N, C-alpha and C. Protein backbone atom coordinates (compact mmCIF):
# COMPACT_ATOMS: atom_id res chain seq x y z
N MET A 1 23.47 -5.50 -0.97
CA MET A 1 22.21 -4.86 -1.28
C MET A 1 21.78 -4.03 -0.08
N ASP A 2 21.22 -2.87 -0.32
CA ASP A 2 20.77 -2.00 0.76
C ASP A 2 19.51 -2.57 1.40
N GLU A 3 19.36 -2.27 2.68
CA GLU A 3 18.15 -2.66 3.38
C GLU A 3 17.00 -1.78 2.88
N PRO A 4 15.80 -2.31 2.73
CA PRO A 4 14.68 -1.49 2.31
C PRO A 4 14.34 -0.48 3.40
N ASP A 5 13.90 0.69 2.98
CA ASP A 5 13.53 1.73 3.93
C ASP A 5 12.07 1.52 4.31
N SER A 6 11.86 0.57 5.21
CA SER A 6 10.50 0.20 5.57
C SER A 6 9.82 1.30 6.38
N GLY A 7 10.58 2.21 6.96
CA GLY A 7 9.97 3.30 7.72
C GLY A 7 9.10 4.18 6.85
N VAL A 8 9.59 4.52 5.68
CA VAL A 8 8.82 5.36 4.75
C VAL A 8 7.61 4.59 4.24
N ALA A 9 7.82 3.34 3.89
CA ALA A 9 6.71 2.51 3.41
C ALA A 9 5.65 2.35 4.50
N ASN A 10 6.08 2.08 5.71
CA ASN A 10 5.12 1.92 6.81
C ASN A 10 4.35 3.19 7.08
N LYS A 11 5.03 4.34 7.03
CA LYS A 11 4.33 5.62 7.24
C LYS A 11 3.32 5.87 6.13
N SER A 12 3.69 5.53 4.90
CA SER A 12 2.78 5.71 3.77
C SER A 12 1.57 4.81 3.91
N ILE A 13 1.80 3.57 4.29
CA ILE A 13 0.71 2.62 4.47
C ILE A 13 -0.21 3.09 5.60
N ASP A 14 0.37 3.54 6.70
CA ASP A 14 -0.43 4.04 7.83
C ASP A 14 -1.28 5.23 7.41
N ARG A 15 -0.70 6.13 6.63
CA ARG A 15 -1.44 7.32 6.19
C ARG A 15 -2.59 6.95 5.27
N ILE A 16 -2.36 6.02 4.36
CA ILE A 16 -3.44 5.58 3.47
C ILE A 16 -4.55 4.92 4.27
N LEU A 17 -4.18 4.14 5.28
CA LEU A 17 -5.20 3.52 6.13
C LEU A 17 -6.03 4.58 6.87
N GLU A 18 -5.38 5.63 7.33
CA GLU A 18 -6.09 6.73 8.00
C GLU A 18 -7.06 7.42 7.04
N LEU A 19 -6.58 7.71 5.83
CA LEU A 19 -7.42 8.37 4.84
C LEU A 19 -8.61 7.49 4.45
N SER A 20 -8.35 6.20 4.30
CA SER A 20 -9.41 5.27 3.94
C SER A 20 -10.46 5.18 5.05
N ALA A 21 -10.00 5.10 6.29
CA ALA A 21 -10.93 5.04 7.42
C ALA A 21 -11.77 6.31 7.49
N ASP A 22 -11.15 7.46 7.27
CA ASP A 22 -11.88 8.73 7.27
C ASP A 22 -12.94 8.74 6.16
N ALA A 23 -12.57 8.26 4.98
CA ALA A 23 -13.53 8.22 3.87
C ALA A 23 -14.68 7.27 4.19
N HIS A 24 -14.38 6.14 4.83
CA HIS A 24 -15.44 5.20 5.23
C HIS A 24 -16.41 5.87 6.20
N ILE A 25 -15.87 6.58 7.18
CA ILE A 25 -16.70 7.24 8.18
C ILE A 25 -17.58 8.30 7.52
N ARG A 26 -16.97 9.14 6.66
CA ARG A 26 -17.75 10.18 5.98
C ARG A 26 -18.80 9.57 5.05
N ARG A 27 -18.47 8.45 4.45
CA ARG A 27 -19.40 7.78 3.53
C ARG A 27 -20.64 7.30 4.28
N ARG A 28 -20.44 6.79 5.50
CA ARG A 28 -21.58 6.32 6.29
C ARG A 28 -22.54 7.45 6.63
N GLY A 29 -22.02 8.68 6.69
CA GLY A 29 -22.86 9.82 7.05
C GLY A 29 -23.50 10.51 5.87
N THR A 30 -23.40 9.95 4.69
CA THR A 30 -23.98 10.58 3.51
C THR A 30 -25.19 9.78 3.03
N VAL A 31 -25.97 10.41 2.21
CA VAL A 31 -27.15 9.77 1.64
C VAL A 31 -26.71 8.75 0.59
N ARG A 32 -27.22 7.55 0.73
CA ARG A 32 -26.88 6.48 -0.21
C ARG A 32 -27.31 6.88 -1.62
N ASP A 33 -26.50 6.56 -2.59
CA ASP A 33 -26.73 6.85 -4.01
C ASP A 33 -26.62 8.34 -4.36
N SER A 34 -26.10 9.14 -3.43
CA SER A 34 -25.85 10.55 -3.76
C SER A 34 -24.48 10.65 -4.44
N ALA A 35 -24.22 11.80 -5.05
CA ALA A 35 -22.93 12.01 -5.71
C ALA A 35 -21.78 11.93 -4.70
N LYS A 36 -21.98 12.50 -3.52
CA LYS A 36 -20.93 12.45 -2.49
C LYS A 36 -20.66 11.01 -2.07
N PHE A 37 -21.71 10.21 -1.93
CA PHE A 37 -21.55 8.80 -1.56
C PHE A 37 -20.70 8.08 -2.60
N HIS A 38 -21.00 8.29 -3.87
CA HIS A 38 -20.25 7.63 -4.94
C HIS A 38 -18.81 8.13 -5.03
N ASN A 39 -18.61 9.42 -4.79
CA ASN A 39 -17.24 9.95 -4.78
C ASN A 39 -16.42 9.32 -3.66
N LEU A 40 -17.02 9.20 -2.49
CA LEU A 40 -16.31 8.59 -1.37
C LEU A 40 -16.08 7.09 -1.60
N THR A 41 -17.02 6.43 -2.27
CA THR A 41 -16.84 5.03 -2.63
C THR A 41 -15.64 4.88 -3.55
N GLY A 42 -15.52 5.78 -4.52
CA GLY A 42 -14.37 5.77 -5.42
C GLY A 42 -13.07 6.04 -4.68
N ALA A 43 -13.11 6.95 -3.71
CA ALA A 43 -11.91 7.25 -2.93
C ALA A 43 -11.48 6.02 -2.12
N VAL A 44 -12.43 5.34 -1.51
CA VAL A 44 -12.12 4.14 -0.73
C VAL A 44 -11.49 3.08 -1.64
N ALA A 45 -12.04 2.90 -2.82
CA ALA A 45 -11.49 1.92 -3.77
C ALA A 45 -10.07 2.31 -4.19
N ALA A 46 -9.84 3.60 -4.43
CA ALA A 46 -8.51 4.07 -4.82
C ALA A 46 -7.50 3.86 -3.69
N TYR A 47 -7.92 4.15 -2.46
CA TYR A 47 -7.03 3.91 -1.32
C TYR A 47 -6.69 2.43 -1.21
N GLY A 48 -7.67 1.57 -1.46
CA GLY A 48 -7.43 0.13 -1.42
C GLY A 48 -6.42 -0.31 -2.47
N LYS A 49 -6.53 0.25 -3.66
CA LYS A 49 -5.57 -0.10 -4.72
C LYS A 49 -4.17 0.41 -4.38
N ALA A 50 -4.09 1.63 -3.87
CA ALA A 50 -2.78 2.18 -3.49
C ALA A 50 -2.16 1.35 -2.36
N LEU A 51 -2.97 0.94 -1.43
CA LEU A 51 -2.49 0.11 -0.33
C LEU A 51 -1.98 -1.23 -0.85
N GLY A 52 -2.69 -1.80 -1.79
CA GLY A 52 -2.26 -3.06 -2.38
C GLY A 52 -0.92 -2.93 -3.09
N ILE A 53 -0.74 -1.84 -3.81
CA ILE A 53 0.52 -1.61 -4.52
C ILE A 53 1.66 -1.42 -3.54
N LEU A 54 1.46 -0.59 -2.52
CA LEU A 54 2.53 -0.33 -1.54
C LEU A 54 2.91 -1.58 -0.77
N THR A 55 1.94 -2.37 -0.37
CA THR A 55 2.28 -3.58 0.38
C THR A 55 2.98 -4.60 -0.52
N ALA A 56 2.58 -4.67 -1.79
CA ALA A 56 3.27 -5.58 -2.72
C ALA A 56 4.71 -5.14 -2.92
N LEU A 57 4.93 -3.84 -3.07
CA LEU A 57 6.29 -3.33 -3.23
C LEU A 57 7.11 -3.57 -1.96
N GLN A 58 6.49 -3.39 -0.82
CA GLN A 58 7.19 -3.62 0.44
C GLN A 58 7.60 -5.09 0.56
N HIS A 59 6.70 -6.00 0.21
CA HIS A 59 7.03 -7.43 0.26
C HIS A 59 8.12 -7.76 -0.73
N ARG A 60 8.07 -7.14 -1.90
CA ARG A 60 9.11 -7.39 -2.91
C ARG A 60 10.47 -6.92 -2.42
N GLU A 61 10.53 -5.74 -1.81
CA GLU A 61 11.79 -5.22 -1.27
C GLU A 61 12.32 -6.13 -0.16
N GLU A 62 11.43 -6.59 0.70
CA GLU A 62 11.85 -7.49 1.78
C GLU A 62 12.39 -8.80 1.20
N PHE A 63 11.73 -9.31 0.16
CA PHE A 63 12.17 -10.54 -0.48
C PHE A 63 13.56 -10.34 -1.09
N HIS A 64 13.76 -9.23 -1.79
CA HIS A 64 15.05 -8.98 -2.42
C HIS A 64 16.14 -8.76 -1.37
N ALA A 65 15.78 -8.18 -0.23
CA ALA A 65 16.76 -8.00 0.84
C ALA A 65 17.20 -9.36 1.38
N ILE A 66 16.26 -10.29 1.50
CA ILE A 66 16.59 -11.63 1.99
C ILE A 66 17.46 -12.36 0.97
N ILE A 67 17.07 -12.29 -0.29
CA ILE A 67 17.83 -12.95 -1.35
C ILE A 67 19.24 -12.35 -1.43
N GLY A 68 19.35 -11.05 -1.26
CA GLY A 68 20.64 -10.38 -1.35
C GLY A 68 21.60 -10.78 -0.23
N GLN A 69 21.07 -11.32 0.85
CA GLN A 69 21.92 -11.72 1.98
C GLN A 69 22.64 -13.04 1.71
N HIS A 70 22.18 -13.78 0.72
CA HIS A 70 22.76 -15.08 0.41
C HIS A 70 23.73 -14.93 -0.76
N ASP A 71 24.68 -15.80 -0.82
CA ASP A 71 25.65 -15.78 -1.91
C ASP A 71 25.11 -16.56 -3.11
N LEU A 72 24.15 -15.94 -3.79
CA LEU A 72 23.57 -16.56 -4.97
C LEU A 72 24.24 -15.98 -6.21
N PRO A 73 24.30 -16.76 -7.28
CA PRO A 73 24.82 -16.20 -8.53
C PRO A 73 24.00 -14.99 -8.94
N ARG A 74 24.65 -14.02 -9.52
CA ARG A 74 23.98 -12.77 -9.88
C ARG A 74 22.75 -12.99 -10.76
N CYS A 75 22.85 -13.92 -11.71
CA CYS A 75 21.71 -14.16 -12.61
C CYS A 75 20.50 -14.68 -11.88
N VAL A 76 20.68 -15.39 -10.75
CA VAL A 76 19.57 -15.90 -9.96
C VAL A 76 19.03 -14.79 -9.06
N ALA A 77 19.90 -14.01 -8.46
CA ALA A 77 19.50 -12.96 -7.53
C ALA A 77 18.74 -11.85 -8.22
N GLU A 78 18.95 -11.64 -9.51
CA GLU A 78 18.30 -10.55 -10.24
C GLU A 78 16.89 -10.89 -10.69
N VAL A 79 16.50 -12.15 -10.59
CA VAL A 79 15.17 -12.57 -11.07
C VAL A 79 14.10 -12.05 -10.21
């Protein structure tokens, strides 16, 4: 089994964290309950969901890489 390309995943995760932090900072500088405030709140939530998906995929790839290193029957390794 190929090793996961964690470099790309890590760069993506880092970039999402940067975008989320920027949105948090801009959100603090806006009027509460304004349209811009709510748009930035939505952006922060979306970044959080994307981050959750990427980290879950990264953990899954790492898990499969570990499982692939062992001589397990194919039917077990594919689960």
